[in-house]
Amino acid sequence: MELSQHRSRIRARVREFKLPPAVDGLVIGREAPVGRVAISRALELLSVARFEHLGMDDDIMGDALVRPEILRKVEGKDLRDFLMEEIRPLMGAEEILQLSLDVDVGEEEL
């Protein structure tokens, strides 16, 4: 009897678990195993940071939770448009994606 030999290789990237588990926001897929209400409650328990709800009318993206500080810098509609254009193609309906957003505020050059 001959046994096949194989080599396994494991690579890991380890990061500190930070609270809150959301930086600037979360995008929740329409078929994610945990919904907006449950995630909102968990964030309330794990963090003093507040998050506001942005409803997403889409078959992939169900909801977004975003820090109010972000929404003071960019209008909700503009953020929704950004998420639909830039984030939606990267996600599946069952996923929950963490957002880290950089928002520059200033006058637009013509």
N, C-alpha and C. Protein backbone atom coordinates (compact mmCIF):
# COMPACT_ATOMS: atom_id res chain seq x y z
N MET A 1 0.85 -1.18 0.00
CA MET A 1 0.00 0.00 0.00
C MET A 1 0.89 1.23 0.00
N GLU A 2 0.57 2.09 -0.87
CA GLU A 2 1.38 3.29 -1.01
C GLU A 2 0.56 4.51 -0.57
N LEU A 3 1.11 5.29 0.32
CA LEU A 3 0.43 6.50 0.78
C LEU A 3 0.96 7.70 0.02
N SER A 4 0.04 8.51 -0.40
CA SER A 4 0.49 9.72 -1.08
C SER A 4 0.93 10.73 -0.05
N GLN A 5 1.99 11.37 -0.35
CA GLN A 5 2.49 12.40 0.55
C GLN A 5 2.15 13.75 -0.05
N HIS A 6 1.72 14.61 0.79
CA HIS A 6 1.44 15.97 0.33
C HIS A 6 1.91 16.95 1.38
N ARG A 7 2.15 18.10 0.96
CA ARG A 7 2.58 19.15 1.87
C ARG A 7 1.45 20.15 1.98
N SER A 8 1.24 20.59 3.17
CA SER A 8 0.22 21.62 3.42
C SER A 8 0.93 22.91 3.78
N ARG A 9 0.33 23.96 3.36
CA ARG A 9 0.87 25.28 3.68
C ARG A 9 -0.27 26.13 4.21
N ILE A 10 -0.03 26.73 5.35
CA ILE A 10 -1.04 27.60 5.95
C ILE A 10 -0.45 28.98 6.10
N ARG A 11 -1.19 29.95 5.62
CA ARG A 11 -0.80 31.35 5.80
C ARG A 11 -1.92 32.05 6.53
N ALA A 12 -1.57 32.93 7.43
CA ALA A 12 -2.59 33.64 8.20
C ALA A 12 -2.16 35.09 8.37
N ARG A 13 -3.14 35.94 8.36
CA ARG A 13 -2.92 37.33 8.72
C ARG A 13 -3.75 37.56 9.97
N VAL A 14 -3.09 37.89 11.05
CA VAL A 14 -3.75 38.03 12.33
C VAL A 14 -3.77 39.50 12.71
N ARG A 15 -4.95 39.96 13.09
CA ARG A 15 -5.12 41.34 13.53
C ARG A 15 -5.82 41.34 14.88
N GLU A 16 -5.58 42.39 15.62
CA GLU A 16 -6.27 42.55 16.89
C GLU A 16 -7.76 42.76 16.62
N PHE A 17 -8.60 42.11 17.40
CA PHE A 17 -10.04 42.34 17.31
C PHE A 17 -10.32 43.67 17.98
N LYS A 18 -10.85 44.59 17.22
CA LYS A 18 -11.08 45.93 17.74
C LYS A 18 -12.56 46.18 17.95
N LEU A 19 -12.83 46.98 18.94
CA LEU A 19 -14.21 47.39 19.20
C LEU A 19 -14.32 48.87 18.87
N PRO A 20 -15.32 49.28 18.18
CA PRO A 20 -16.39 48.45 17.63
C PRO A 20 -15.87 47.64 16.44
N PRO A 21 -16.57 46.57 16.12
CA PRO A 21 -16.15 45.75 14.98
C PRO A 21 -16.46 46.41 13.64
N ALA A 22 -16.93 47.62 13.67
CA ALA A 22 -17.15 48.40 12.46
C ALA A 22 -16.36 49.69 12.60
N VAL A 23 -15.69 50.11 11.55
CA VAL A 23 -14.91 51.33 11.60
C VAL A 23 -15.82 52.51 11.28
N ASP A 24 -16.13 52.71 10.02
CA ASP A 24 -17.02 53.79 9.61
C ASP A 24 -18.41 53.29 9.24
N GLY A 25 -18.51 52.01 8.98
CA GLY A 25 -19.82 51.48 8.63
C GLY A 25 -19.75 50.03 8.20
N LEU A 26 -20.92 49.48 7.96
CA LEU A 26 -21.08 48.12 7.48
C LEU A 26 -22.09 48.12 6.35
N VAL A 27 -21.86 47.28 5.36
CA VAL A 27 -22.86 47.04 4.32
C VAL A 27 -23.32 45.61 4.51
N ILE A 28 -24.61 45.45 4.66
CA ILE A 28 -25.20 44.15 4.97
C ILE A 28 -25.91 43.61 3.74
N GLY A 29 -25.48 42.45 3.30
CA GLY A 29 -26.11 41.82 2.14
C GLY A 29 -27.54 41.42 2.43
N ARG A 30 -28.35 41.42 1.39
CA ARG A 30 -29.77 41.10 1.53
C ARG A 30 -29.99 39.71 2.12
N GLU A 31 -29.09 38.76 1.86
CA GLU A 31 -29.24 37.39 2.36
C GLU A 31 -28.22 37.06 3.45
N ALA A 32 -27.68 38.07 4.11
CA ALA A 32 -26.70 37.84 5.19
C ALA A 32 -27.35 37.07 6.32
N PRO A 33 -26.59 36.23 7.00
CA PRO A 33 -27.16 35.41 8.08
C PRO A 33 -27.63 36.24 9.29
N VAL A 34 -27.14 37.46 9.41
CA VAL A 34 -27.55 38.35 10.49
C VAL A 34 -28.03 39.64 9.86
N GLY A 35 -29.18 40.13 10.29
CA GLY A 35 -29.76 41.31 9.70
C GLY A 35 -29.40 42.60 10.41
N ARG A 36 -29.91 43.70 9.88
CA ARG A 36 -29.60 45.03 10.39
C ARG A 36 -29.98 45.20 11.85
N VAL A 37 -31.13 44.73 12.27
CA VAL A 37 -31.58 44.93 13.64
C VAL A 37 -30.63 44.23 14.62
N ALA A 38 -30.28 42.98 14.31
CA ALA A 38 -29.37 42.23 15.19
C ALA A 38 -27.99 42.86 15.23
N ILE A 39 -27.50 43.29 14.09
CA ILE A 39 -26.18 43.93 14.06
C ILE A 39 -26.21 45.25 14.80
N SER A 40 -27.28 46.02 14.64
CA SER A 40 -27.40 47.29 15.36
C SER A 40 -27.38 47.07 16.87
N ARG A 41 -28.10 46.06 17.33
CA ARG A 41 -28.11 45.75 18.77
C ARG A 41 -26.73 45.32 19.26
N ALA A 42 -26.06 44.51 18.46
CA ALA A 42 -24.71 44.07 18.84
C ALA A 42 -23.76 45.26 18.92
N LEU A 43 -23.84 46.17 17.96
CA LEU A 43 -22.98 47.35 17.99
C LEU A 43 -23.27 48.22 19.20
N GLU A 44 -24.54 48.33 19.58
CA GLU A 44 -24.90 49.09 20.78
C GLU A 44 -24.28 48.48 22.03
N LEU A 45 -24.22 47.16 22.07
CA LEU A 45 -23.64 46.48 23.24
C LEU A 45 -22.12 46.53 23.26
N LEU A 46 -21.50 46.51 22.09
CA LEU A 46 -20.05 46.43 22.00
C LEU A 46 -19.34 47.77 21.93
N SER A 47 -20.08 48.84 21.69
CA SER A 47 -19.41 50.10 21.43
C SER A 47 -20.26 51.29 21.86
N VAL A 48 -19.60 52.38 22.14
CA VAL A 48 -20.32 53.62 22.41
C VAL A 48 -20.57 54.39 21.12
N ALA A 49 -19.90 53.98 20.03
CA ALA A 49 -20.10 54.64 18.73
C ALA A 49 -21.51 54.37 18.24
N ARG A 50 -22.10 55.39 17.64
CA ARG A 50 -23.44 55.26 17.08
C ARG A 50 -23.35 55.02 15.57
N PHE A 51 -24.35 54.36 15.04
CA PHE A 51 -24.43 54.11 13.61
C PHE A 51 -25.84 54.41 13.15
N GLU A 52 -25.95 55.04 11.99
CA GLU A 52 -27.25 55.36 11.41
C GLU A 52 -27.54 54.42 10.25
N HIS A 53 -28.81 54.17 10.05
CA HIS A 53 -29.25 53.24 9.03
C HIS A 53 -29.43 53.94 7.69
N LEU A 54 -28.88 53.33 6.64
CA LEU A 54 -29.14 53.74 5.26
C LEU A 54 -29.78 52.55 4.57
N GLY A 55 -31.02 52.67 4.22
CA GLY A 55 -31.68 51.58 3.50
C GLY A 55 -31.18 51.51 2.07
N MET A 56 -30.96 50.31 1.60
CA MET A 56 -30.50 50.09 0.23
C MET A 56 -31.58 49.29 -0.48
N ASP A 57 -32.13 49.83 -1.52
CA ASP A 57 -33.18 49.16 -2.28
C ASP A 57 -32.52 48.38 -3.42
N ASP A 58 -32.03 47.17 -3.10
CA ASP A 58 -31.23 46.43 -4.05
C ASP A 58 -31.36 44.93 -3.77
N ASP A 59 -31.10 44.10 -4.78
CA ASP A 59 -31.17 42.66 -4.59
C ASP A 59 -29.91 42.08 -3.96
N ILE A 60 -28.81 42.81 -3.93
CA ILE A 60 -27.56 42.37 -3.30
C ILE A 60 -27.39 43.04 -1.95
N MET A 61 -27.43 44.36 -1.92
CA MET A 61 -27.21 45.14 -0.70
C MET A 61 -28.54 45.38 0.00
N GLY A 62 -28.63 44.92 1.24
CA GLY A 62 -29.87 45.10 1.98
C GLY A 62 -29.90 46.39 2.77
N ASP A 63 -28.85 46.65 3.53
CA ASP A 63 -28.79 47.82 4.41
C ASP A 63 -27.35 48.27 4.56
N ALA A 64 -27.20 49.48 5.04
CA ALA A 64 -25.88 49.98 5.43
C ALA A 64 -26.05 50.68 6.77
N LEU A 65 -25.06 50.51 7.62
CA LEU A 65 -24.99 51.22 8.90
C LEU A 65 -23.74 52.09 8.83
N VAL A 66 -23.92 53.39 9.07
CA VAL A 66 -22.82 54.34 8.88
C VAL A 66 -22.76 55.28 10.08
N ARG A 67 -21.54 55.63 10.47
CA ARG A 67 -21.37 56.59 11.57
C ARG A 67 -21.94 57.94 11.17
N PRO A 68 -22.61 58.62 12.09
CA PRO A 68 -23.19 59.93 11.79
C PRO A 68 -22.14 60.95 11.35
N GLU A 69 -20.90 60.79 11.82
CA GLU A 69 -19.83 61.70 11.43
C GLU A 69 -19.59 61.67 9.92
N ILE A 70 -19.75 60.52 9.32
CA ILE A 70 -19.61 60.39 7.86
C ILE A 70 -20.75 61.11 7.17
N LEU A 71 -21.97 60.93 7.71
CA LEU A 71 -23.14 61.53 7.07
C LEU A 71 -23.19 63.05 7.25
N ARG A 72 -22.39 63.60 8.16
CA ARG A 72 -22.28 65.06 8.24
C ARG A 72 -21.41 65.61 7.12
N LYS A 73 -20.56 64.75 6.56
CA LYS A 73 -19.64 65.19 5.52
C LYS A 73 -20.14 64.89 4.11
N VAL A 74 -20.98 63.88 3.98
CA VAL A 74 -21.50 63.49 2.67
C VAL A 74 -22.98 63.14 2.82
N GLU A 75 -23.77 63.57 1.86
CA GLU A 75 -25.21 63.30 1.91
C GLU A 75 -25.48 61.81 1.75
N GLY A 76 -26.55 61.35 2.40
CA GLY A 76 -26.93 59.94 2.33
C GLY A 76 -27.10 59.44 0.91
N LYS A 77 -27.72 60.24 0.05
CA LYS A 77 -27.93 59.83 -1.35
C LYS A 77 -26.60 59.63 -2.06
N ASP A 78 -25.65 60.55 -1.83
CA ASP A 78 -24.34 60.42 -2.47
C ASP A 78 -23.60 59.19 -1.96
N LEU A 79 -23.73 58.89 -0.68
CA LEU A 79 -23.09 57.71 -0.12
C LEU A 79 -23.73 56.44 -0.68
N ARG A 80 -25.06 56.43 -0.78
CA ARG A 80 -25.76 55.28 -1.39
C ARG A 80 -25.26 55.05 -2.81
N ASP A 81 -25.18 56.14 -3.59
CA ASP A 81 -24.71 56.03 -4.98
C ASP A 81 -23.30 55.46 -5.02
N PHE A 82 -22.43 55.93 -4.13
CA PHE A 82 -21.06 55.43 -4.06
C PHE A 82 -21.04 53.93 -3.74
N LEU A 83 -21.82 53.54 -2.74
CA LEU A 83 -21.86 52.12 -2.35
C LEU A 83 -22.37 51.25 -3.50
N MET A 84 -23.38 51.72 -4.19
CA MET A 84 -23.94 50.94 -5.31
C MET A 84 -22.92 50.81 -6.44
N GLU A 85 -22.21 51.86 -6.72
CA GLU A 85 -21.28 51.85 -7.85
C GLU A 85 -19.96 51.15 -7.53
N GLU A 86 -19.42 51.39 -6.34
CA GLU A 86 -18.08 50.91 -6.02
C GLU A 86 -18.04 49.63 -5.17
N ILE A 87 -18.99 49.47 -4.27
CA ILE A 87 -18.95 48.34 -3.33
C ILE A 87 -19.80 47.16 -3.81
N ARG A 88 -20.96 47.46 -4.35
CA ARG A 88 -21.88 46.40 -4.78
C ARG A 88 -21.23 45.36 -5.69
N PRO A 89 -20.42 45.77 -6.69
CA PRO A 89 -19.81 44.75 -7.56
C PRO A 89 -18.85 43.81 -6.83
N LEU A 90 -18.41 44.18 -5.64
CA LEU A 90 -17.44 43.39 -4.89
C LEU A 90 -18.07 42.42 -3.90
N MET A 91 -19.38 42.51 -3.71
CA MET A 91 -19.98 41.74 -2.62
C MET A 91 -21.04 40.76 -3.10
N GLY A 92 -21.26 39.76 -2.28
CA GLY A 92 -22.34 38.81 -2.50
C GLY A 92 -23.48 39.13 -1.54
N ALA A 93 -24.67 38.69 -1.86
CA ALA A 93 -25.85 39.00 -1.06
C ALA A 93 -25.77 38.41 0.34
N GLU A 94 -24.91 37.42 0.57
CA GLU A 94 -24.80 36.78 1.88
C GLU A 94 -23.71 37.40 2.76
N GLU A 95 -23.01 38.39 2.25
CA GLU A 95 -21.88 38.98 2.97
C GLU A 95 -22.24 40.21 3.80
N ILE A 96 -21.38 40.48 4.76
CA ILE A 96 -21.41 41.73 5.52
C ILE A 96 -20.01 42.32 5.38
N LEU A 97 -19.93 43.50 4.80
CA LEU A 97 -18.64 44.13 4.56
C LEU A 97 -18.42 45.31 5.50
N GLN A 98 -17.22 45.40 6.03
CA GLN A 98 -16.83 46.51 6.89
C GLN A 98 -16.31 47.64 6.01
N LEU A 99 -16.70 48.86 6.34
CA LEU A 99 -16.27 50.03 5.57
C LEU A 99 -15.31 50.89 6.37
N SER A 100 -14.26 51.29 5.72
CA SER A 100 -13.37 52.31 6.23
C SER A 100 -13.37 53.40 5.17
N LEU A 101 -13.94 54.54 5.48
CA LEU A 101 -14.15 55.59 4.48
C LEU A 101 -13.29 56.81 4.75
N ASP A 102 -12.73 57.39 3.72
CA ASP A 102 -12.04 58.67 3.78
C ASP A 102 -12.88 59.65 2.99
N VAL A 103 -13.35 60.68 3.64
CA VAL A 103 -14.18 61.67 2.98
C VAL A 103 -13.44 63.00 3.02
N ASP A 104 -13.15 63.55 1.84
CA ASP A 104 -12.54 64.87 1.74
C ASP A 104 -13.65 65.88 1.47
N VAL A 105 -13.64 66.95 2.23
CA VAL A 105 -14.65 67.99 2.05
C VAL A 105 -13.95 69.23 1.54
N GLY A 106 -14.46 69.78 0.45
CA GLY A 106 -13.87 70.97 -0.11
C GLY A 106 -14.61 71.35 -1.37
N GLU A 107 -14.21 72.44 -1.95
CA GLU A 107 -14.85 72.89 -3.17
C GLU A 107 -14.33 72.08 -4.34
N GLU A 108 -15.22 71.75 -5.23
CA GLU A 108 -14.87 70.98 -6.41
C GLU A 108 -14.27 71.93 -7.44
N GLU A 109 -13.20 71.46 -8.09
CA GLU A 109 -12.60 72.26 -9.14
C GLU A 109 -13.43 72.12 -10.40
N LEU A 110 -13.64 73.21 -11.09
CA LEU A 110 -14.43 73.18 -12.33
C LEU A 110 -13.55 72.95 -13.52
